[in-house]
């Protein structure tokens, strides 16, 4: 249940930030590109979590 809640929160936040970024920087961006930007942000969230957890094992310089 906790993992599903985290995924849902990340999906919602990535969609909101994708819309905000697309409206601020690219006024006439298509819906497909906004969805792609949201998917990229969602992927980065998991990439950064993986890197953070990997470095917590004492491997940080």
Protein backbone atom coordinates (compact mmCIF):
# COMPACT_ATOMS: atom_id res chain seq x y z
CA UNK A 1 0.00 0.00 0.00
CA UNK A 2 2.82 2.38 0.86
CA UNK A 3 4.56 1.76 -2.49
CA UNK A 4 1.35 2.38 -4.43
CA UNK A 5 0.85 5.67 -2.60
CA UNK A 6 4.39 6.78 -3.42
CA UNK A 7 3.93 5.90 -7.10
CA UNK A 8 0.64 7.82 -7.21
CA UNK A 9 2.19 10.89 -5.56
CA UNK A 10 5.13 10.82 -7.97
CA UNK A 11 2.82 10.46 -10.97
CA UNK A 12 0.68 13.40 -9.87
CA UNK A 13 3.67 15.61 -9.08
CA UNK A 14 5.42 14.78 -12.34
CA UNK A 15 2.25 15.62 -14.29
CA UNK A 16 1.78 18.91 -12.45
CA UNK A 17 5.40 19.95 -12.89
CA UNK A 18 5.37 18.92 -16.56
CA UNK A 19 2.39 21.19 -17.21
CA UNK A 20 3.95 24.07 -15.28
CA UNK A 21 7.33 23.74 -17.02
CA UNK A 22 5.74 23.42 -20.44
CA UNK A 23 3.58 26.52 -19.92
CA UNK A 24 6.42 28.62 -18.49
CA UNK A 25 9.12 27.80 -21.03
CA UNK A 26 7.30 26.42 -24.10
CA UNK A 27 3.98 28.17 -24.63
CA UNK A 28 2.77 26.13 -27.62
CA UNK A 29 3.88 22.64 -26.61
CA UNK A 30 1.72 19.72 -27.75
CA UNK A 31 0.00 17.37 -25.31
CA UNK A 32 2.17 14.45 -26.41
CA UNK A 33 5.33 16.35 -25.54
CA UNK A 34 3.91 17.35 -22.14
CA UNK A 35 3.16 13.69 -21.42
CA UNK A 36 6.70 12.81 -22.52
CA UNK A 37 8.11 15.47 -20.21
CA UNK A 38 6.02 14.06 -17.35
CA UNK A 39 7.28 10.55 -18.06
CA UNK A 40 10.85 11.85 -18.09
CA UNK A 41 10.37 13.57 -14.74
CA UNK A 42 8.83 10.39 -13.33
CA UNK A 43 11.80 8.37 -14.57
CA UNK A 44 14.27 10.83 -13.08
CA UNK A 45 12.56 10.49 -9.69
CA UNK A 46 13.29 6.76 -9.67
CA UNK A 47 16.80 7.22 -11.08
CA UNK A 48 17.69 9.70 -8.34
CA UNK A 49 16.21 7.42 -5.67
CA UNK A 50 18.31 4.52 -6.97
CA UNK A 51 21.48 6.63 -6.92
CA UNK A 52 20.72 7.94 -3.44
CA UNK A 53 20.11 4.46 -2.01
CA UNK A 54 23.21 3.09 -3.72
CA UNK A 55 25.38 5.80 -2.17
CA UNK A 56 24.01 5.28 1.34
CA UNK A 57 25.99 2.06 1.64
CA UNK A 58 29.14 4.00 2.57
CA UNK A 59 30.46 4.29 -0.97
CA UNK A 60 30.22 8.08 -0.97
CA UNK A 61 33.58 9.88 -1.36
